[in-house]
């Protein structure tokens, strides 16, 4: 083993700056450059092996903090300042702790297999975060990879945690190979394992993207959002305002049908329905469906006394109400506005085949949305309402559920994106409604279910990582005693 020279201040600064910029751009809600996430951890993990524990911690914390700063403008638009402060500092702190733990085991045992410690710990941390926080999968680094479709296919096997594992494994391997090579230690086994993991992952992704499926039925779908100014006309208040908004949306159905739409999907909370007028509004939508011989998915805020329900009506072309779905996962603002959550997924039969409807925030939750895949859902309709800055990200989070579940999706978001995607996460059609101006989109989606291992086995990969993390903690305790 050779003795390495002390780390220079110039190398330390360069590594910190390189990592921070790469994380900043890969986490960015506008840049979303997926491949920079593969590079960002390399200098941090390599230098951590050459620094003292204290300096390694500070370097890891500072580098990750620079990256997370890209989210601050977005967080300030939706959260109070104290929560923005906590959220921005919490993830870098956890990241630094995991780097220190991995560093300790890699240096203590000096075996090539310790390269798995950091990705195992990080994947476990993210999984525990996902199943315990009210925001579900929001914040997962896996979503940075949504544009790299071969890697995205891993989610059909493991859920998004497989993607998280991969994008932390690759940079850890590179950093460890550089370190071991400089120490004149063998890198053969480490190189073979790395190549094997990389090739297997890419081959699976390419094969799934190009697999030939049986002839699937397809459906022409139309979406529309109206100008946000329509919601702020001073002379339209209360029930008059609701009738006005309903009329604006329904007036667009005819144009969408002329362009070939067989189902029209409206965005989330297009207007408010008082409970005593609910049947009248539903009948208005049924009459429109019958008149144009088109299916309609409409999402409204339904007021019942002193509370609300966020509901999606699915009406077929014959005017039959196929589903009256109540949103299950609410954002904080809805809870404060006395919105009550539902309990069951919106699965229904159309033409004898299972389809589904969910609403916006529901799509952030793996375990809940997996119920649609387990029910052999053929397509999912999702009314949504985003926050302008997160239009790309939130649409891709929803799309990842389709890869995990094996079906296509039609998602219409106010202040976000209108998207139609297939079961592989390919965006087939997309329109931008970030600025809340009128937008209309027409496209085709396959009506077919593709079974996935994740649907069958659930969070098996995450549980496996959690067990491995417990083993790492035992080894870490032994290492500290040496």
Protein backbone atom coordinates (compact mmCIF):
# COMPACT_ATOMS: atom_id res chain seq x y z
CA UNK A 1 0.00 0.00 0.00
CA UNK A 2 1.41 3.38 -1.02
CA UNK A 3 1.20 6.53 1.07
CA UNK A 4 -0.87 9.25 -0.63
CA UNK A 5 0.05 12.90 -0.42
CA UNK A 6 -2.17 15.12 1.76
CA UNK A 7 -5.14 16.63 -0.04
CA UNK A 8 -4.34 20.15 -1.23
CA UNK A 9 -6.68 23.06 -0.63
CA UNK A 10 -6.97 23.53 -4.38
CA UNK A 11 -8.11 19.93 -4.91
CA UNK A 12 -10.52 20.22 -2.01
CA UNK A 13 -12.07 23.42 -3.39
CA UNK A 14 -12.25 22.05 -6.93
CA UNK A 15 -13.94 18.84 -5.76
CA UNK A 16 -16.47 20.74 -3.66
CA UNK A 17 -17.30 23.18 -6.47
CA UNK A 18 -17.57 20.45 -9.11
CA UNK A 19 -19.87 18.31 -6.97
CA UNK A 20 -22.04 21.24 -5.89
CA UNK A 21 -22.57 22.50 -9.45
CA UNK A 22 -23.38 19.01 -10.75
CA UNK A 23 -25.92 18.43 -8.00
CA UNK A 24 -27.40 21.90 -8.49
CA UNK A 25 -28.03 21.33 -12.19
CA UNK A 26 -29.24 17.74 -11.84
CA UNK A 27 -31.67 18.67 -9.04
CA UNK A 28 -32.85 21.80 -10.86
CA UNK A 29 -36.55 21.92 -11.75
CA UNK A 30 -35.73 23.63 -15.05
CA UNK A 31 -32.38 22.13 -16.16
CA UNK A 32 -32.90 18.48 -15.04
CA UNK A 33 -29.62 17.25 -16.58
CA UNK A 34 -29.79 13.59 -15.53
CA UNK A 35 -26.18 12.50 -16.24
CA UNK A 36 -24.65 15.10 -13.90
CA UNK A 37 -26.07 13.16 -10.95
CA UNK A 38 -23.74 10.28 -11.88
CA UNK A 39 -20.71 12.60 -11.63
CA UNK A 40 -21.58 14.74 -8.61
CA UNK A 41 -20.72 12.31 -5.76
CA UNK A 42 -17.39 11.10 -7.23
CA UNK A 43 -15.06 13.82 -5.84
CA UNK A 44 -16.88 13.86 -2.48
CA UNK A 45 -16.65 10.10 -1.99
CA UNK A 46 -13.06 9.92 -3.22
CA UNK A 47 -11.84 12.79 -1.04
CA UNK A 48 -13.76 11.40 1.95
CA UNK A 49 -11.49 8.34 1.81
CA UNK A 50 -8.44 10.59 2.04
CA UNK A 51 -9.65 13.08 4.65
CA UNK A 52 -10.31 12.84 8.36
CA UNK A 53 -13.85 12.06 9.40
CA UNK A 54 -14.57 15.68 10.37
CA UNK A 55 -13.36 17.12 7.07
CA UNK A 56 -15.15 14.41 5.10
CA UNK A 57 -18.38 15.29 6.87
CA UNK A 58 -18.02 19.02 6.19
CA UNK A 59 -17.15 18.42 2.53
CA UNK A 60 -20.12 16.11 1.97
CA UNK A 61 -22.52 18.47 3.75
CA UNK A 62 -21.34 21.56 1.88
CA UNK A 63 -21.38 19.91 -1.55
CA UNK A 64 -24.87 18.48 -1.18
CA UNK A 65 -26.14 21.74 0.30
CA UNK A 66 -25.03 23.64 -2.80
CA UNK A 67 -27.04 21.20 -4.89
CA UNK A 68 -30.18 21.47 -2.79
CA UNK A 69 -30.14 25.28 -3.09
CA UNK A 70 -31.62 24.89 -6.57
CA UNK A 71 -34.95 24.01 -4.91
CA UNK A 72 -35.07 27.05 -2.61
CA UNK A 73 -37.04 29.38 -4.95
CA UNK A 74 -39.62 26.65 -5.52
CA UNK A 75 -39.91 25.79 -1.83
CA UNK A 76 -40.34 29.45 -0.91
CA UNK A 77 -43.35 29.58 -3.23
CA UNK A 78 -45.18 26.75 -1.42
CA UNK A 79 -43.79 26.55 2.15
CA UNK A 80 -43.18 28.95 5.06
CA UNK A 81 -39.56 30.05 5.52
CA UNK A 82 -38.82 27.88 8.62
CA UNK A 83 -39.82 24.70 6.75
CA UNK A 84 -37.76 25.73 3.73
CA UNK A 85 -34.78 26.17 6.04
CA UNK A 86 -35.28 22.77 7.67
CA UNK A 87 -35.86 20.91 4.40
CA UNK A 88 -32.83 22.49 2.73
CA UNK A 89 -30.46 21.55 5.57
CA UNK A 90 -31.90 18.15 6.49
CA UNK A 91 -31.01 16.24 3.32
CA UNK A 92 -27.35 17.46 3.21
CA UNK A 93 -27.01 16.53 6.87
CA UNK A 94 -28.27 12.99 6.28
CA UNK A 95 -26.12 12.67 3.16
CA UNK A 96 -22.99 13.66 5.12
CA UNK A 97 -23.76 11.14 7.87
CA UNK A 98 -24.14 8.36 5.29
CA UNK A 99 -20.84 9.33 3.65
CA UNK A 100 -19.07 9.12 7.01
CA UNK A 101 -20.58 5.71 7.75
CA UNK A 102 -19.60 4.35 4.32
CA UNK A 103 -16.11 5.84 4.63
CA UNK A 104 -15.58 4.12 7.98
CA UNK A 105 -16.49 0.67 6.67
CA UNK A 106 -14.58 1.06 3.40
CA UNK A 107 -11.39 2.06 5.19
CA UNK A 108 -11.74 -0.41 8.06
CA UNK A 109 -12.43 -3.56 6.06
CA UNK A 110 -10.73 -2.51 2.81
CA UNK A 111 -12.65 -5.05 0.73
CA UNK A 112 -14.14 -4.40 -2.69
CA UNK A 113 -17.62 -5.43 -1.49
CA UNK A 114 -17.78 -2.38 0.81
CA UNK A 115 -18.53 -0.35 -2.31
CA UNK A 116 -22.16 -1.40 -1.79
CA UNK A 117 -22.39 0.26 1.63
CA UNK A 118 -23.14 3.81 0.49
CA UNK A 119 -25.81 2.94 -2.13
CA UNK A 120 -27.44 0.51 0.30
CA UNK A 121 -27.56 3.11 3.09
CA UNK A 122 -28.76 5.89 0.81
CA UNK A 123 -31.47 3.73 -0.78
CA UNK A 124 -32.68 2.64 2.66
CA UNK A 125 -32.72 6.21 3.93
CA UNK A 126 -34.79 7.31 0.95
CA UNK A 127 -37.19 4.38 1.32
CA UNK A 128 -37.78 5.13 5.01
CA UNK A 129 -38.35 8.77 4.11
CA UNK A 130 -40.91 7.77 1.46
CA UNK A 131 -42.99 5.52 3.71
CA UNK A 132 -42.98 7.82 6.76
CA UNK A 133 -43.42 11.37 5.42
CA UNK A 134 -46.70 12.96 4.23
CA UNK A 135 -45.11 13.86 0.88
CA UNK A 136 -44.51 10.30 -0.29
CA UNK A 137 -41.84 9.93 -2.97
CA UNK A 138 -41.35 13.70 -3.45
CA UNK A 139 -37.65 14.46 -3.14
CA UNK A 140 -36.37 11.12 -4.44
CA UNK A 141 -33.24 11.52 -6.56
CA UNK A 142 -34.61 8.82 -8.88
CA UNK A 143 -36.81 11.41 -10.59
CA UNK A 144 -33.75 13.22 -11.94
CA UNK A 145 -33.33 10.26 -14.32
CA UNK A 146 -36.78 10.41 -15.96
CA UNK A 147 -35.32 11.44 -19.33
CA UNK A 148 -32.94 8.45 -19.41
CA UNK A 149 -35.45 5.77 -20.38
CA UNK A 150 -33.19 2.66 -20.30
CA UNK A 151 -32.52 3.26 -16.59
CA UNK A 152 -36.14 4.20 -15.88
CA UNK A 153 -37.21 0.64 -16.78
CA UNK A 154 -35.56 -0.61 -13.57
CA UNK A 155 -38.60 0.78 -11.74
CA UNK A 156 -40.72 -2.01 -13.25
CA UNK A 157 -38.61 -4.47 -11.22
CA UNK A 158 -37.70 -2.62 -8.04
CA UNK A 159 -39.72 0.57 -7.91
CA UNK A 160 -37.83 3.85 -8.08
CA UNK A 161 -35.51 2.65 -5.29
CA UNK A 162 -33.63 0.58 -7.89
CA UNK A 163 -32.86 3.79 -9.78
CA UNK A 164 -31.70 5.48 -6.58
CA UNK A 165 -29.41 2.53 -5.86
CA UNK A 166 -27.91 2.58 -9.35
CA UNK A 167 -27.16 6.33 -9.44
CA UNK A 168 -25.41 6.13 -6.06
CA UNK A 169 -23.62 2.84 -6.84
CA UNK A 170 -21.91 4.00 -10.06
CA UNK A 171 -20.16 7.10 -8.60
CA UNK A 172 -19.21 5.17 -5.46
CA UNK A 173 -17.53 2.53 -7.62
CA UNK A 174 -15.62 5.13 -9.63
CA UNK A 175 -14.38 6.88 -6.49
CA UNK A 176 -13.37 3.58 -4.87
CA UNK A 177 -11.58 2.32 -7.98
CA UNK A 178 -9.51 5.53 -8.16
CA UNK A 179 -8.63 5.27 -4.49
CA UNK A 180 -7.73 1.57 -4.58
CA UNK A 181 -5.67 2.02 -7.74
CA UNK A 182 -3.65 4.79 -6.09
CA UNK A 183 -3.21 2.52 -3.08
CA UNK A 184 -1.98 -0.24 -5.42
CA UNK A 185 -4.84 -2.50 -4.36
CA UNK A 186 -6.61 -4.88 -6.71
CA UNK A 187 -9.53 -3.43 -8.68
CA UNK A 188 -10.27 -6.51 -10.80
CA UNK A 189 -13.21 -7.91 -8.83
CA UNK A 190 -14.64 -4.44 -8.32
CA UNK A 191 -14.41 -3.70 -12.05
CA UNK A 192 -16.08 -6.97 -13.05
CA UNK A 193 -18.98 -6.47 -10.62
CA UNK A 194 -19.46 -2.90 -11.79
CA UNK A 195 -19.50 -3.86 -15.45
CA UNK A 196 -21.94 -6.66 -14.68
CA UNK A 197 -24.38 -4.39 -12.83
CA UNK A 198 -24.16 -1.70 -15.49
CA UNK A 199 -24.59 -4.03 -18.46
CA UNK A 200 -27.46 -5.97 -16.86
CA UNK A 201 -29.30 -2.75 -16.07
CA UNK A 202 -28.87 -1.26 -19.53
CA UNK A 203 -29.74 -4.49 -21.33
CA UNK A 204 -32.94 -4.86 -19.34
CA UNK A 205 -33.87 -1.26 -20.09
CA UNK A 206 -33.22 -1.51 -23.83
CA UNK A 207 -35.03 -4.85 -24.12
CA UNK A 208 -38.11 -3.56 -22.31
CA UNK A 209 -38.20 -0.41 -24.42
CA UNK A 210 -38.13 -2.46 -27.62
CA UNK A 211 -40.21 -5.47 -26.64
CA UNK A 212 -42.99 -6.32 -29.06
CA UNK A 213 -46.38 -6.35 -27.41
CA UNK A 214 -49.58 -7.92 -28.60
CA UNK A 215 -51.74 -5.56 -30.59
CA UNK A 216 -53.16 -3.11 -28.08
CA UNK A 217 -56.34 -1.13 -28.42
CA UNK A 218 -55.75 2.60 -28.44
CA UNK A 219 -57.87 5.54 -27.42
CA UNK A 220 -57.91 9.12 -28.69
CA UNK A 221 -57.92 11.44 -25.69
CA UNK A 222 -58.43 15.21 -25.46
CA UNK A 223 -57.46 17.65 -22.71
CA UNK A 224 -58.05 21.35 -22.14
CA UNK A 225 -57.27 23.99 -19.52
CA UNK A 226 -58.90 27.43 -19.61
CA UNK A 227 -57.42 30.86 -18.98
CA UNK A 228 -56.79 31.52 -15.27
CA UNK A 229 -58.43 34.94 -15.65
CA UNK A 230 -61.76 33.14 -15.93
CA UNK A 231 -61.45 32.28 -12.24
CA UNK A 232 -61.13 35.92 -11.19
CA UNK A 233 -64.02 37.68 -12.91
CA UNK A 234 -65.39 39.99 -10.23
CA UNK A 235 -68.98 39.78 -11.46
CA UNK A 236 -69.02 36.02 -11.15
CA UNK A 237 -69.40 34.82 -7.55
CA UNK A 238 -70.75 31.79 -5.72
CA UNK A 239 -73.02 29.49 -7.69
CA UNK A 240 -73.07 31.84 -10.68
CA UNK A 241 -69.32 31.57 -10.89
CA UNK A 242 -69.47 27.76 -10.73
CA UNK A 243 -72.03 27.64 -13.55
CA UNK A 244 -69.89 30.02 -15.58
CA UNK A 245 -66.77 27.85 -15.17
CA UNK A 246 -68.66 24.63 -15.91
CA UNK A 247 -69.98 26.20 -19.07
CA UNK A 248 -66.51 27.31 -20.17
CA UNK A 249 -65.10 23.81 -19.84
CA UNK A 250 -68.07 22.03 -21.40
CA UNK A 251 -68.01 24.44 -24.33
CA UNK A 252 -64.59 23.00 -25.27
CA UNK A 253 -65.87 19.42 -25.55
CA UNK A 254 -67.31 19.89 -29.02
CA UNK A 255 -64.01 21.19 -30.41
CA UNK A 256 -62.09 18.26 -28.89
CA UNK A 257 -64.58 15.78 -30.34
CA UNK A 258 -64.19 17.38 -33.78
CA UNK A 259 -60.47 16.66 -33.47
CA UNK A 260 -61.17 13.01 -32.70
CA UNK A 261 -61.34 12.83 -28.91
CA UNK A 262 -63.15 9.79 -27.52
CA UNK A 263 -62.58 10.82 -23.90
CA UNK A 264 -62.07 14.36 -22.57
CA UNK A 265 -60.04 14.83 -19.38
CA UNK A 266 -60.33 18.10 -17.44
CA UNK A 267 -57.81 19.27 -14.79
CA UNK A 268 -58.24 19.25 -11.00
CA UNK A 269 -60.87 21.35 -9.19
CA UNK A 270 -62.32 23.04 -12.25
CA UNK A 271 -65.03 24.56 -10.04
CA UNK A 272 -66.83 24.09 -6.71
CA UNK A 273 -70.06 22.10 -6.40
CA UNK A 274 -72.42 22.75 -3.48
CA UNK A 275 -73.90 19.48 -2.27
CA UNK A 276 -77.47 20.57 -2.96
CA UNK A 277 -76.60 21.20 -6.64
CA UNK A 278 -74.38 18.17 -7.17
CA UNK A 279 -76.91 16.13 -9.15
CA UNK A 280 -77.67 19.07 -11.40
CA UNK A 281 -74.02 19.53 -12.32
CA UNK A 282 -73.50 15.82 -12.88
CA UNK A 283 -76.52 15.75 -15.16
CA UNK A 284 -75.10 18.67 -17.12
CA UNK A 285 -71.91 16.69 -17.75
CA UNK A 286 -73.89 13.55 -18.59
CA UNK A 287 -75.98 15.45 -21.12
CA UNK A 288 -72.81 16.81 -22.76
CA UNK A 289 -71.31 13.32 -22.92
CA UNK A 290 -74.45 11.94 -24.57
CA UNK A 291 -74.77 14.86 -26.98
CA UNK A 292 -71.20 14.48 -28.23
CA UNK A 293 -70.96 10.72 -27.72
CA UNK A 294 -67.74 11.16 -25.69
CA UNK A 295 -66.44 10.10 -22.29
CA UNK A 296 -65.65 12.83 -19.73
CA UNK A 297 -63.37 12.89 -16.68
CA UNK A 298 -64.16 15.97 -14.56
CA UNK A 299 -62.61 16.88 -11.20
CA UNK A 300 -64.47 19.24 -8.84
CA UNK A 301 -64.33 20.51 -5.28
CA UNK A 302 -67.53 19.24 -3.68
CA UNK A 303 -68.72 21.22 -0.65
CA UNK A 304 -70.62 19.38 2.06
CA UNK A 305 -71.51 21.67 4.94
CA UNK A 306 -68.30 22.80 6.63
CA UNK A 307 -65.96 20.49 4.71
CA UNK A 308 -64.99 19.65 1.13
CA UNK A 309 -64.20 16.58 -0.94
CA UNK A 310 -61.95 16.57 -3.99
CA UNK A 311 -63.84 14.36 -6.44
CA UNK A 312 -63.36 13.07 -9.99
CA UNK A 313 -66.40 12.01 -12.02
CA UNK A 314 -65.86 9.51 -14.82
CA UNK A 315 -68.78 9.53 -17.28
CA UNK A 316 -68.98 7.30 -20.34
CA UNK A 317 -70.25 8.28 -23.78
CA UNK A 318 -73.74 7.03 -22.89
CA UNK A 319 -73.97 9.27 -19.85
CA UNK A 320 -73.34 6.56 -17.24
CA UNK A 321 -71.38 7.56 -14.13
CA UNK A 322 -68.58 4.95 -14.03
CA UNK A 323 -66.71 6.37 -11.04
CA UNK A 324 -67.13 9.07 -8.40
CA UNK A 325 -63.62 9.03 -6.96
CA UNK A 326 -62.56 10.91 -3.83
CA UNK A 327 -58.92 12.03 -3.65
CA UNK A 328 -57.00 10.05 -1.02
CA UNK A 329 -53.70 11.92 -0.58
CA UNK A 330 -54.06 15.63 0.12
CA UNK A 331 -51.59 18.50 0.02
CA UNK A 332 -51.16 20.56 3.19
CA UNK A 333 -53.27 23.40 1.80
CA UNK A 334 -56.23 21.07 1.27
CA UNK A 335 -56.02 19.81 4.84
CA UNK A 336 -56.06 23.40 6.09
CA UNK A 337 -59.06 24.10 3.85
CA UNK A 338 -61.06 21.27 5.52
CA UNK A 339 -60.84 18.83 2.62
CA UNK A 340 -61.50 15.25 3.71
CA UNK A 341 -59.51 12.39 2.11
CA UNK A 342 -61.01 9.31 0.51
CA UNK A 343 -59.95 5.75 1.22
CA UNK A 344 -60.21 3.61 -1.91
CA UNK A 345 -58.59 3.76 -5.38
CA UNK A 346 -60.70 4.85 -8.34
CA UNK A 347 -60.85 1.62 -10.34
CA UNK A 348 -63.77 1.07 -12.70
CA UNK A 349 -64.76 -0.95 -15.76
CA UNK A 350 -65.08 0.65 -19.19
CA UNK A 351 -66.05 -1.62 -22.05
CA UNK A 352 -65.53 -4.54 -19.66
CA UNK A 353 -61.86 -3.73 -18.93
CA UNK A 354 -60.38 -2.15 -15.74
CA UNK A 355 -59.26 1.45 -15.92
CA UNK A 356 -58.48 3.95 -13.18
CA UNK A 357 -58.71 7.56 -12.06
CA UNK A 358 -56.51 9.28 -9.49
CA UNK A 359 -55.97 12.94 -8.58
CA UNK A 360 -52.66 14.83 -8.58
CA UNK A 361 -50.97 14.18 -5.17
CA UNK A 362 -52.16 10.56 -5.19
CA UNK A 363 -49.48 9.84 -7.79
CA UNK A 364 -46.68 10.66 -5.33
CA UNK A 365 -47.37 7.48 -3.34
CA UNK A 366 -45.97 4.18 -4.60
CA UNK A 367 -47.75 1.79 -2.27
CA UNK A 368 -51.14 3.38 -2.90
CA UNK A 369 -50.87 3.64 -6.68
CA UNK A 370 -49.54 0.06 -6.90
CA UNK A 371 -53.12 -1.01 -6.16
CA UNK A 372 -54.06 0.13 -9.67
CA UNK A 373 -51.37 -2.07 -11.20
CA UNK A 374 -52.41 -5.04 -9.09
CA UNK A 375 -55.95 -4.57 -10.38
CA UNK A 376 -54.60 -4.90 -13.98
CA UNK A 377 -55.48 -1.30 -14.77
CA UNK A 378 -55.18 -0.60 -18.52
CA UNK A 379 -54.92 3.19 -18.40
CA UNK A 380 -54.98 5.86 -15.70
CA UNK A 381 -56.69 9.27 -15.98
CA UNK A 382 -55.24 11.94 -13.70
CA UNK A 383 -56.68 15.45 -13.21
CA UNK A 384 -54.01 17.59 -11.51
CA UNK A 385 -53.07 21.08 -10.36
CA UNK A 386 -49.37 21.90 -10.04
CA UNK A 387 -47.35 24.92 -8.84
CA UNK A 388 -45.89 26.22 -12.13
CA UNK A 389 -42.21 25.66 -11.18
CA UNK A 390 -42.72 21.93 -10.62
CA UNK A 391 -44.69 21.17 -13.77
CA UNK A 392 -42.02 19.00 -15.35
CA UNK A 393 -41.06 17.23 -12.14
CA UNK A 394 -44.56 16.45 -10.92
CA UNK A 395 -45.64 15.12 -14.29
CA UNK A 396 -42.59 12.82 -14.34
CA UNK A 397 -43.24 11.62 -10.82
CA UNK A 398 -46.67 10.49 -11.99
CA UNK A 399 -45.20 8.90 -15.11
CA UNK A 400 -42.85 6.79 -12.98
CA UNK A 401 -45.89 5.16 -11.34
CA UNK A 402 -46.88 3.96 -14.81
CA UNK A 403 -43.49 2.25 -15.28
CA UNK A 404 -43.90 0.57 -11.89
CA UNK A 405 -47.50 -0.40 -12.65
CA UNK A 406 -47.39 -1.25 -16.36
CA UNK A 407 -50.00 1.04 -17.94
CA UNK A 408 -50.32 4.29 -19.88
CA UNK A 409 -51.57 7.55 -18.41
CA UNK A 410 -53.44 10.70 -19.41
CA UNK A 411 -52.65 13.60 -17.05
CA UNK A 412 -54.10 17.10 -17.30
CA UNK A 413 -52.62 19.65 -14.90
CA UNK A 414 -53.51 23.29 -14.39
CA UNK A 415 -50.33 25.36 -13.96
CA UNK A 416 -48.28 22.33 -15.01
CA UNK A 417 -48.10 19.89 -17.92
CA UNK A 418 -50.61 18.00 -19.99
CA UNK A 419 -49.02 14.62 -20.76
CA UNK A 420 -49.89 11.33 -22.41
CA UNK A 421 -47.35 8.56 -21.80
CA UNK A 422 -46.99 4.82 -22.29
CA UNK A 423 -46.10 2.06 -19.81
CA UNK A 424 -42.34 2.58 -20.37
CA UNK A 425 -42.48 6.22 -19.32
CA UNK A 426 -42.21 7.57 -22.87
CA UNK A 427 -43.93 10.95 -23.15
CA UNK A 428 -45.96 10.58 -26.34
CA UNK A 429 -47.66 13.98 -26.26
CA UNK A 430 -47.07 17.01 -24.04
CA UNK A 431 -48.31 20.57 -23.68
CA UNK A 432 -47.26 23.25 -21.20
CA UNK A 433 -49.89 24.95 -19.04
CA UNK A 434 -47.42 26.43 -16.54
CA UNK A 435 -48.61 30.00 -17.11
CA UNK A 436 -52.29 29.02 -16.84
CA UNK A 437 -53.16 30.15 -20.36
CA UNK A 438 -55.67 28.12 -22.44
CA UNK A 439 -54.10 24.88 -23.65
CA UNK A 440 -55.58 22.01 -25.66
CA UNK A 441 -53.96 18.64 -26.39
CA UNK A 442 -55.06 15.62 -28.42
CA UNK A 443 -53.26 12.26 -28.53
CA UNK A 444 -53.56 8.48 -28.48
CA UNK A 445 -52.83 6.14 -25.59
CA UNK A 446 -52.74 2.32 -25.60
CA UNK A 447 -55.38 0.57 -23.51
CA UNK A 448 -53.45 -2.41 -22.20
CA UNK A 449 -51.83 -3.67 -19.00
CA UNK A 450 -48.22 -4.90 -18.88
CA UNK A 451 -47.45 -7.03 -15.78
CA UNK A 452 -44.41 -5.95 -13.74
CA UNK A 453 -42.33 -7.60 -11.04
CA UNK A 454 -42.85 -4.56 -8.82
CA UNK A 455 -46.61 -5.09 -8.97
CA UNK A 456 -46.15 -8.72 -7.95
CA UNK A 457 -43.47 -8.42 -5.26
CA UNK A 458 -43.89 -4.84 -4.08
CA UNK A 459 -41.04 -3.22 -2.15
CA UNK A 460 -38.84 -6.33 -2.09
CA UNK A 461 -35.74 -4.42 -3.21
CA UNK A 462 -36.19 -1.70 -0.61
CA UNK A 463 -36.70 -4.29 2.14
CA UNK A 464 -33.56 -6.12 0.99
CA UNK A 465 -31.61 -2.86 1.23
CA UNK A 466 -33.03 -2.21 4.68
CA UNK A 467 -31.84 -5.61 5.90
CA UNK A 468 -28.42 -4.97 4.36
CA UNK A 469 -28.32 -1.58 6.11
CA UNK A 470 -28.87 -3.26 9.47
CA UNK A 471 -25.91 -5.52 8.71
CA UNK A 472 -23.86 -2.43 7.84
CA UNK A 473 -24.76 -0.86 11.16
CA UNK A 474 -23.57 -3.98 13.02
CA UNK A 475 -20.27 -3.86 11.13
CA UNK A 476 -20.01 -0.15 11.82
CA UNK A 477 -20.35 -0.74 15.58
CA UNK A 478 -17.60 -3.39 15.40
CA UNK A 479 -15.42 -1.05 13.35
CA UNK A 480 -15.70 1.71 15.94
CA UNK A 481 -14.59 -0.70 18.65
CA UNK A 482 -11.39 -1.58 16.81
